[in-house]
C-alpha cells in the first residue's frame, strides 16, 4: 500500500465533482464559505470546469467527469484533491478512468458517499490509500466543532486517532440556514453487536457506502477478492454504511458482498449509522447485519461514526487500523504500514 502526502502548508487543493457539483442553496454557499476559510489558512485552489454544476443528476457526462478528474490528478501543481459533493452516478466514471496513470502518481483524494467509487478504485485497483471523509463544503459552517477540527487535522496527517463522538445529528438544519453547524442533539454510543464487554480489532481497513459497493460487486472493476488475498495476512476490517438502502436493501447488499467472497479474511466490521434508519415490517438494520454477518463469527461494532449521519471520522482506506470499543474506551487509530 502506498501512502500519498497529506496536506501541507500553502499546498494547492484540487476541487473535483465526479458526481454532483456544489451549487445553489445551501451547497454552493457552503462551498464558497469553506474555500474562504482554507484560503485564510494559506491554501490555494484549482477547480475543474464543472465543479459548480448539477444537470441530469451529474456535474457533467461521465466521460467528462472522468477526464476532469484525471487532469486534476496528473496536474503537478495540485497537491491534494477534494470532492465537493456526493451524488448518484459516480459509478459511471469507472470505464473512463486511466488506472495506469492513477497508479503512477500517488496523491491524496478525499470524499465520501458516492465518492466510494473513486476511493475504491484508488485503494483496491491502484494500491493507493484514500480518505473516506467529508466533502470540502462541509467545512463551510459558522463554527467548526470537534468533528470538523478532527477532519482538518487528519488532512494534515496530524490526527490519526479518533475518539467516538457522544452526540449525533438526526435533524440537519442546513436547509433552514446554509451555514448551520452540526445540530448535535441526540446521545449516541458505539455498540458491540454480540454484547461483548470489549471489542478490539486490528487489520487493514477498507469499505465505504454499501449502496455504491454493491454496484461495483461482480463487475469487471471488482477486484476485491484479489485485494483481500493480497492482504490476507493482515486481515481486513470492513467499514460499511448505508445511505438510501432500507433494512431489506442492506440485507441483500451484505449478502451479495459476502457471497462474492469479499469478507473471506474479515477480522471484523464497523457499521455506520444508517441514513434510512426506519424498520420495515419489524425488520431493522441491526437484524440485517446479524442475519448476514453473524455467520462469519467475527466482532461487529454498530452505530460507528462513519457515513451520512454526522458527526463522522475520516477513514484512511488501505491503512492498518486498530479499533477498540468497550470498558470506557471507544476509538479508531490508523497506521501507515
Protein backbone atom coordinates (compact mmCIF):
# COMPACT_ATOMS: atom_id res chain seq x y z
CA UNK A 1 0.00 0.00 0.00
CA UNK A 2 1.30 3.42 -0.95
CA UNK A 3 0.55 6.47 1.19
CA UNK A 4 0.37 9.85 -0.56
CA UNK A 5 1.49 13.01 1.18
CA UNK A 6 -1.02 14.66 3.45
CA UNK A 7 -1.94 18.33 3.15
CA UNK A 8 0.97 20.69 3.83
CA UNK A 9 1.32 24.40 4.43
CA UNK A 10 0.47 26.53 1.37
CA UNK A 11 -0.50 23.50 -0.75
CA UNK A 12 -2.83 23.79 -3.71
CA UNK A 13 -6.09 21.87 -3.26
CA UNK A 14 -7.77 20.48 -6.36
CA UNK A 15 -11.58 20.57 -6.31
CA UNK A 16 -13.39 17.94 -8.35
CA UNK A 17 -17.01 16.97 -8.96
CA UNK A 18 -17.01 13.33 -10.12
CA UNK A 19 -20.68 13.04 -9.17
CA UNK A 20 -22.68 16.16 -8.18
CA UNK A 21 -21.29 19.66 -8.29
CA UNK A 22 -21.72 22.09 -5.39
CA UNK A 23 -24.26 24.70 -6.41
CA UNK A 24 -27.27 26.59 -5.17
CA UNK A 25 -28.55 26.82 -1.59
CA UNK A 26 -27.16 25.53 0.69
CA UNK A 27 -24.40 23.62 -1.12
CA UNK A 28 -22.88 26.33 -3.27
CA UNK A 29 -22.92 28.82 -0.41
CA UNK A 30 -21.25 26.35 1.93
CA UNK A 31 -18.62 25.58 -0.68
CA UNK A 32 -17.76 29.26 -1.07
CA UNK A 33 -17.51 29.73 2.70
CA UNK A 34 -15.27 26.65 3.04
CA UNK A 35 -12.93 27.97 0.36
CA UNK A 36 -12.71 31.31 2.18
CA UNK A 37 -11.67 29.54 5.39
CA UNK A 38 -9.00 27.49 3.68
CA UNK A 39 -7.61 30.50 1.82
CA UNK A 40 -7.31 32.27 5.17
CA UNK A 41 -5.30 29.25 6.36
CA UNK A 42 -2.90 29.76 3.44
CA UNK A 43 -4.14 27.26 0.85
CA UNK A 44 -5.00 27.90 -2.80
CA UNK A 45 -7.44 26.13 -5.11
CA UNK A 46 -7.70 24.81 -8.63
CA UNK A 47 -11.16 23.76 -9.81
CA UNK A 48 -12.45 21.56 -12.60
CA UNK A 49 -14.82 23.39 -15.00
CA UNK A 50 -17.99 21.67 -13.75
CA UNK A 51 -17.38 21.94 -10.02
CA UNK A 52 -20.50 24.10 -9.51
CA UNK A 53 -22.88 22.29 -11.90
CA UNK A 54 -25.73 19.80 -11.46
CA UNK A 55 -27.64 18.79 -14.59
CA UNK A 56 -29.35 15.46 -15.16
CA UNK A 57 -28.18 14.32 -11.74
CA UNK A 58 -24.48 14.89 -12.51
CA UNK A 59 -21.95 17.68 -12.84
CA UNK A 60 -21.21 16.59 -16.44
CA UNK A 61 -21.44 13.43 -18.60
CA UNK A 62 -19.45 10.51 -17.20
CA UNK A 63 -16.58 10.75 -19.68
CA UNK A 64 -16.18 14.47 -18.96
CA UNK A 65 -16.23 13.93 -15.20
CA UNK A 66 -13.55 11.27 -15.53
CA UNK A 67 -11.45 13.45 -17.84
CA UNK A 68 -11.61 16.36 -15.39
CA UNK A 69 -10.61 14.10 -12.52
CA UNK A 70 -7.70 12.61 -14.44
CA UNK A 71 -6.45 16.07 -15.44
CA UNK A 72 -6.54 17.19 -11.82
CA UNK A 73 -4.79 14.01 -10.71
CA UNK A 74 -1.98 14.46 -13.22
CA UNK A 75 -1.60 18.21 -12.56
CA UNK A 76 1.77 18.62 -10.83
CA UNK A 77 0.68 21.88 -9.22
CA UNK A 78 -2.14 20.14 -7.32
CA UNK A 79 -1.10 18.55 -4.05
CA UNK A 80 -4.34 17.27 -2.50
CA UNK A 81 -7.73 16.56 -4.13
CA UNK A 82 -11.15 17.03 -2.51
CA UNK A 83 -14.54 16.18 -3.91
CA UNK A 84 -17.09 18.94 -3.42
CA UNK A 85 -20.12 16.63 -3.12
CA UNK A 86 -21.51 13.14 -3.30
CA UNK A 87 -24.34 12.20 -5.63
CA UNK A 88 -25.78 9.25 -7.51
CA UNK A 89 -23.91 8.49 -10.77
CA UNK A 90 -20.20 8.27 -9.99
CA UNK A 91 -20.06 4.57 -10.86
CA UNK A 92 -20.33 5.62 -14.49
CA UNK A 93 -16.85 7.22 -14.45
CA UNK A 94 -15.08 3.89 -13.84
CA UNK A 95 -14.75 2.88 -17.53
CA UNK A 96 -13.11 6.22 -18.31
CA UNK A 97 -10.51 6.33 -15.52
CA UNK A 98 -6.93 5.54 -16.55
CA UNK A 99 -5.86 3.14 -13.81
CA UNK A 100 -2.25 3.02 -15.05
CA UNK A 101 -1.90 6.80 -14.83
CA UNK A 102 -3.62 6.91 -11.45
CA UNK A 103 -1.23 4.26 -10.15
CA UNK A 104 1.81 6.14 -11.42
CA UNK A 105 1.11 9.32 -9.45
CA UNK A 106 0.02 8.71 -5.83
CA UNK A 107 -1.97 11.64 -4.50
CA UNK A 108 -4.40 12.20 -1.63
CA UNK A 109 -8.09 12.13 -2.53
CA UNK A 110 -10.86 12.79 -0.01
CA UNK A 111 -14.61 12.32 -0.37
CA UNK A 112 -17.43 10.08 0.81
CA UNK A 113 -20.85 8.74 -0.16
CA UNK A 114 -20.84 8.38 -3.97
CA UNK A 115 -17.09 9.02 -3.87
CA UNK A 116 -16.80 5.47 -2.59
CA UNK A 117 -16.31 4.76 -6.31
CA UNK A 118 -13.03 6.64 -6.65
CA UNK A 119 -11.84 5.72 -3.15
CA UNK A 120 -12.36 2.07 -4.10
CA UNK A 121 -10.57 2.46 -7.44
CA UNK A 122 -7.55 4.13 -5.85
CA UNK A 123 -7.16 1.69 -2.97
CA UNK A 124 -8.23 -1.64 -4.49
CA UNK A 125 -7.12 -1.16 -8.10
CA UNK A 126 -4.08 1.10 -7.55
CA UNK A 127 -2.87 0.21 -4.03
CA UNK A 128 -3.06 3.89 -3.04
CA UNK A 129 -4.51 4.84 0.34
CA UNK A 130 -7.52 7.15 0.01
CA UNK A 131 -9.54 9.16 2.52
CA UNK A 132 -13.21 8.40 3.07
CA UNK A 133 -14.10 11.72 4.67
CA UNK A 134 -16.30 14.78 4.48
CA UNK A 135 -16.51 16.99 1.41
CA UNK A 136 -14.83 20.35 1.42
CA UNK A 137 -18.17 22.18 1.53
CA UNK A 138 -18.89 20.58 4.91
CA UNK A 139 -16.28 22.94 6.37
CA UNK A 140 -18.37 25.94 5.28
CA UNK A 141 -20.29 26.45 8.54
CA UNK A 142 -20.27 29.23 11.12
CA UNK A 143 -18.19 27.26 13.62
CA UNK A 144 -16.04 24.15 13.36
CA UNK A 145 -16.95 21.63 16.03
CA UNK A 146 -14.71 18.75 17.16
CA UNK A 147 -15.69 16.67 14.14
CA UNK A 148 -14.59 19.28 11.60
CA UNK A 149 -11.43 20.05 13.55
CA UNK A 150 -10.64 16.31 13.61
CA UNK A 151 -11.14 16.11 9.87
CA UNK A 152 -8.88 19.08 9.17
CA UNK A 153 -6.12 17.71 11.41
CA UNK A 154 -6.50 14.36 9.67
CA UNK A 155 -5.97 16.04 6.29
CA UNK A 156 -2.70 17.34 7.72
CA UNK A 157 -1.71 13.87 8.90
CA UNK A 158 -1.66 15.07 12.50
CA UNK A 159 -4.73 13.27 13.86
CA UNK A 160 -4.57 9.53 13.32
CA UNK A 161 -6.55 8.55 16.42
CA UNK A 162 -10.22 9.47 16.76
CA UNK A 163 -12.39 9.06 19.84
CA UNK A 164 -16.10 8.33 19.43
CA UNK A 165 -18.47 11.29 19.42
CA UNK A 166 -21.04 11.34 22.27
CA UNK A 167 -23.73 13.25 20.35
CA UNK A 168 -25.28 12.74 16.92
CA UNK A 169 -27.25 14.79 14.38
CA UNK A 170 -30.51 13.36 13.08
CA UNK A 171 -32.05 16.70 12.07
CA UNK A 172 -29.80 18.60 9.65
CA UNK A 173 -30.56 22.34 9.70
CA UNK A 174 -28.55 23.39 6.64
CA UNK A 175 -31.67 23.79 4.51
CA UNK A 176 -33.03 26.28 7.06
CA UNK A 177 -29.72 28.14 7.39
CA UNK A 178 -26.90 27.31 4.92
CA UNK A 179 -24.06 27.82 7.39
CA UNK A 180 -25.61 25.88 10.27
CA UNK A 181 -23.10 23.83 12.28
CA UNK A 182 -23.93 20.23 13.10
CA UNK A 183 -27.13 20.00 15.13
CA UNK A 184 -25.88 17.55 17.77
CA UNK A 185 -28.92 16.89 19.93
CA UNK A 186 -29.13 13.12 20.49
CA UNK A 187 -26.85 10.88 22.56
CA UNK A 188 -25.00 8.13 20.73
CA UNK A 189 -22.53 5.38 21.50
CA UNK A 190 -20.92 2.57 19.57
CA UNK A 191 -22.49 -0.80 20.33
CA UNK A 192 -20.92 -4.25 20.20
CA UNK A 193 -23.43 -6.31 18.23
CA UNK A 194 -22.93 -9.55 20.13
CA UNK A 195 -22.94 -7.92 23.57
CA UNK A 196 -19.21 -8.20 24.23
CA UNK A 197 -17.89 -6.02 27.05
CA UNK A 198 -14.93 -5.07 24.88
CA UNK A 199 -14.13 -5.47 21.19
CA UNK A 200 -10.62 -4.92 19.88
CA UNK A 201 -9.82 -5.19 16.16
CA UNK A 202 -6.60 -4.84 14.18
CA UNK A 203 -6.27 -5.21 10.42
CA UNK A 204 -6.19 -3.43 7.09
CA UNK A 205 -9.27 -1.26 6.69
CA UNK A 206 -11.49 -0.99 3.63
CA UNK A 207 -15.12 -0.15 2.87
CA UNK A 208 -17.43 2.73 2.07
CA UNK A 209 -21.06 3.31 1.19
CA UNK A 210 -22.87 -0.01 0.83
CA UNK A 211 -25.20 1.40 -1.84
CA UNK A 212 -22.17 2.01 -4.09
CA UNK A 213 -20.08 -1.05 -3.23
CA UNK A 214 -22.89 -3.41 -4.20
CA UNK A 215 -22.95 -1.67 -7.59
CA UNK A 216 -19.25 -2.44 -8.10
CA UNK A 217 -19.58 -6.04 -6.92
CA UNK A 218 -19.46 -8.53 -9.78
CA UNK A 219 -18.47 -6.05 -12.47
CA UNK A 220 -15.21 -6.06 -14.42
CA UNK A 221 -13.97 -3.40 -11.98
CA UNK A 222 -14.47 -5.65 -8.95
CA UNK A 223 -11.00 -6.73 -7.86
CA UNK A 224 -11.88 -7.11 -4.19
CA UNK A 225 -11.12 -10.83 -3.96
CA UNK A 226 -7.62 -10.16 -5.31
CA UNK A 227 -7.24 -7.27 -2.83
CA UNK A 228 -8.18 -9.32 0.24
CA UNK A 229 -5.95 -12.17 -0.91
CA UNK A 230 -3.08 -9.71 -1.26
CA UNK A 231 -3.55 -8.56 2.34
CA UNK A 232 -4.85 -11.76 3.90
CA UNK A 233 -2.01 -11.90 6.42
CA UNK A 234 -3.17 -8.56 7.82
CA UNK A 235 -6.86 -9.45 7.73
CA UNK A 236 -9.49 -6.89 6.74
CA UNK A 237 -11.58 -4.61 8.92
CA UNK A 238 -14.62 -3.69 6.86
CA UNK A 239 -16.39 -0.39 7.48
CA UNK A 240 -19.80 -0.11 5.83
CA UNK A 241 -22.63 2.41 5.93
CA UNK A 242 -25.95 2.65 4.11
CA UNK A 243 -27.39 5.79 2.54
CA UNK A 244 -30.69 5.09 0.74
CA UNK A 245 -30.94 1.36 1.48
CA UNK A 246 -33.69 0.29 3.85
CA UNK A 247 -33.04 -2.76 6.10
CA UNK A 248 -34.05 -5.26 3.40
CA UNK A 249 -31.88 -3.48 0.82
CA UNK A 250 -28.94 -3.51 3.23
CA UNK A 251 -29.51 -7.21 3.90
CA UNK A 252 -29.42 -8.04 0.19
CA UNK A 253 -26.31 -5.91 -0.36
CA UNK A 254 -24.45 -7.52 2.55
CA UNK A 255 -25.47 -10.97 1.33
CA UNK A 256 -24.16 -10.22 -2.17
CA UNK A 257 -20.78 -8.98 -0.92
CA UNK A 258 -20.47 -11.96 1.43
CA UNK A 259 -21.31 -14.48 -1.28
CA UNK A 260 -18.92 -12.77 -3.72
CA UNK A 261 -16.06 -13.56 -1.34
CA UNK A 262 -15.36 -10.02 -0.16
CA UNK A 263 -15.44 -10.97 3.53
CA UNK A 264 -13.22 -14.07 3.36
CA UNK A 265 -10.50 -12.63 5.58
CA UNK A 266 -12.64 -10.27 7.65
CA UNK A 267 -11.31 -9.60 11.14
CA UNK A 268 -14.48 -7.68 11.98
CA UNK A 269 -16.89 -4.98 10.88
CA UNK A 270 -17.67 -1.41 11.88
CA UNK A 271 -21.12 -0.36 10.71
CA UNK A 272 -22.09 3.30 10.40
CA UNK A 273 -25.43 4.73 11.43
CA UNK A 274 -27.90 4.17 8.55
CA UNK A 275 -29.20 7.27 6.83
CA UNK A 276 -32.55 5.50 6.29
CA UNK A 277 -32.99 4.03 9.79
CA UNK A 278 -36.69 3.09 9.86
CA UNK A 279 -37.66 -0.55 10.32
CA UNK A 280 -39.65 -2.22 7.55
CA UNK A 281 -42.16 -4.91 8.61
CA UNK A 282 -40.40 -5.02 12.01
CA UNK A 283 -37.12 -5.80 10.24
CA UNK A 284 -34.26 -3.50 11.26
CA UNK A 285 -30.77 -2.69 10.07
CA UNK A 286 -29.47 -4.46 13.18
CA UNK A 287 -31.34 -7.62 12.21
CA UNK A 288 -29.95 -7.37 8.68
CA UNK A 289 -26.40 -7.19 10.00
CA UNK A 290 -27.00 -10.02 12.47
CA UNK A 291 -28.52 -12.25 9.83
CA UNK A 292 -25.83 -11.82 7.17
CA UNK A 293 -22.63 -11.09 9.11
CA UNK A 294 -23.41 -13.16 12.21
CA UNK A 295 -22.48 -16.40 10.45
CA UNK A 296 -18.91 -15.09 9.98
CA UNK A 297 -18.32 -15.26 13.75
CA UNK A 298 -16.31 -12.03 13.97
CA UNK A 299 -16.93 -8.89 16.07
CA UNK A 300 -19.24 -6.18 14.74
CA UNK A 301 -19.45 -2.63 16.09
CA UNK A 302 -22.69 -0.79 15.30
CA UNK A 303 -23.53 2.94 15.17
CA UNK A 304 -19.94 3.79 14.28
CA UNK A 305 -19.09 7.41 13.40
CA UNK A 306 -18.81 6.97 9.65
CA UNK A 307 -21.11 7.81 6.78
CA UNK A 308 -24.07 10.08 6.20
CA UNK A 309 -25.19 10.76 9.77
CA UNK A 310 -22.94 13.37 11.38
CA UNK A 311 -20.59 13.59 13.12
CA UNK A 312 -18.14 11.26 11.39
CA UNK A 313 -14.45 10.42 11.46
CA UNK A 314 -12.35 10.16 8.29
CA UNK A 315 -11.14 6.68 7.34
CA UNK A 316 -7.76 6.06 5.72
CA UNK A 317 -8.65 3.32 3.22
CA UNK A 318 -5.97 0.69 2.86
CA UNK A 319 -4.10 1.53 6.04
CA UNK A 320 -3.67 -0.62 9.11
CA UNK A 321 -6.27 0.26 11.71
CA UNK A 322 -6.89 -0.52 15.36
CA UNK A 323 -10.42 -0.23 16.73
CA UNK A 324 -11.48 -0.52 20.37
CA UNK A 325 -14.94 -0.35 21.90
CA UNK A 326 -15.83 -1.16 25.48
CA UNK A 327 -14.78 -0.75 29.09
CA UNK A 328 -14.73 3.03 28.82
CA UNK A 329 -12.79 3.22 25.52
CA UNK A 330 -14.13 3.84 22.01
CA UNK A 331 -11.63 4.87 19.34
CA UNK A 332 -10.10 4.10 15.96
CA UNK A 333 -6.42 4.61 15.11
CA UNK A 334 -4.67 4.45 11.75
CA UNK A 335 -1.10 3.46 10.93
CA UNK A 336 0.74 3.72 7.61
CA UNK A 337 2.01 0.16 7.13
